Amino acid sequence: MEDRVQWVRLHELWDFLMWKRVDWTNEIMIRAGGFRNIYITYTAKEKYEASCLVPKF
């Protein structure tokens, strides 16, 4: 969550044209042991819920 806050602070002064260049999605692709791709989706309300966050390792 701290990384997200830092990212927002770095980009809070962007203007409309800069944000227009960003591709937005709520889907991510994860490669699990090279066997297959797993797609994870979540709703906008779930975005910052602890149950939807996975720690980095």
Protein backbone atom coordinates (compact mmCIF):
# COMPACT_ATOMS: atom_id res chain seq x y z
CA MET A 1 0.00 0.00 0.00
CA GLU A 2 2.94 2.32 0.69
CA ASP A 3 4.15 1.81 -2.90
CA ARG A 4 0.75 2.89 -4.20
CA VAL A 5 0.77 6.04 -2.08
CA GLN A 6 4.27 6.88 -3.31
CA TRP A 7 3.17 6.32 -6.93
CA VAL A 8 0.20 8.64 -6.48
CA ARG A 9 2.39 11.36 -4.99
CA LEU A 10 4.76 11.12 -7.95
CA HIS A 11 1.89 11.45 -10.44
CA GLU A 12 -0.58 13.79 -8.72
CA LEU A 13 0.49 16.78 -10.84
CA TRP A 14 0.03 15.08 -14.20
CA ASP A 15 -2.26 16.91 -16.61
CA PHE A 16 -5.04 15.42 -18.72
CA LEU A 17 -2.81 14.68 -21.73
CA MET A 18 -0.36 12.70 -19.60
CA TRP A 19 -3.14 10.59 -18.03
CA LYS A 20 -4.66 10.03 -21.46
CA ARG A 21 -1.53 8.04 -22.42
CA VAL A 22 -2.09 5.50 -19.61
CA ASP A 23 -3.77 2.17 -20.41
CA TRP A 24 -6.11 1.27 -17.53
CA THR A 25 -7.14 -2.25 -16.63
CA ASN A 26 -8.12 -4.23 -13.58
CA GLU A 27 -6.82 -7.53 -14.96
CA ILE A 28 -3.39 -8.93 -14.30
CA MET A 29 -1.65 -11.99 -15.66
CA ILE A 30 0.36 -14.21 -13.37
CA ARG A 31 2.60 -17.03 -14.52
CA ALA A 32 2.28 -19.84 -11.98
CA GLY A 33 5.24 -22.17 -12.25
CA GLY A 34 5.16 -22.04 -16.04
CA PHE A 35 2.12 -24.32 -16.26
CA ARG A 36 -0.55 -21.85 -17.33
CA ASN A 37 -1.65 -18.25 -17.11
CA ILE A 38 -3.98 -17.28 -14.29
CA TYR A 39 -6.19 -14.22 -14.65
CA ILE A 40 -7.28 -12.39 -11.53
CA THR A 41 -10.00 -9.79 -11.62
CA TYR A 42 -11.47 -7.68 -8.85
CA THR A 43 -14.04 -4.94 -8.61
CA ALA A 44 -13.13 -1.30 -8.11
CA LYS A 45 -14.40 -1.51 -4.52
CA GLU A 46 -12.03 -4.40 -3.78
CA LYS A 47 -8.96 -2.62 -5.11
CA TYR A 48 -7.43 -1.68 -1.73
CA GLU A 49 -8.88 -4.45 0.45
CA ALA A 50 -6.24 -6.42 2.30
CA SER A 51 -7.74 -9.68 1.02
CA CYS A 52 -6.94 -8.60 -2.57
CA LEU A 53 -3.33 -7.63 -1.88
CA VAL A 54 -0.45 -10.08 -2.11
CA PRO A 55 2.88 -9.31 -0.46
CA LYS A 56 5.96 -9.14 -2.67
CA PHE A 57 8.70 -11.70 -2.20
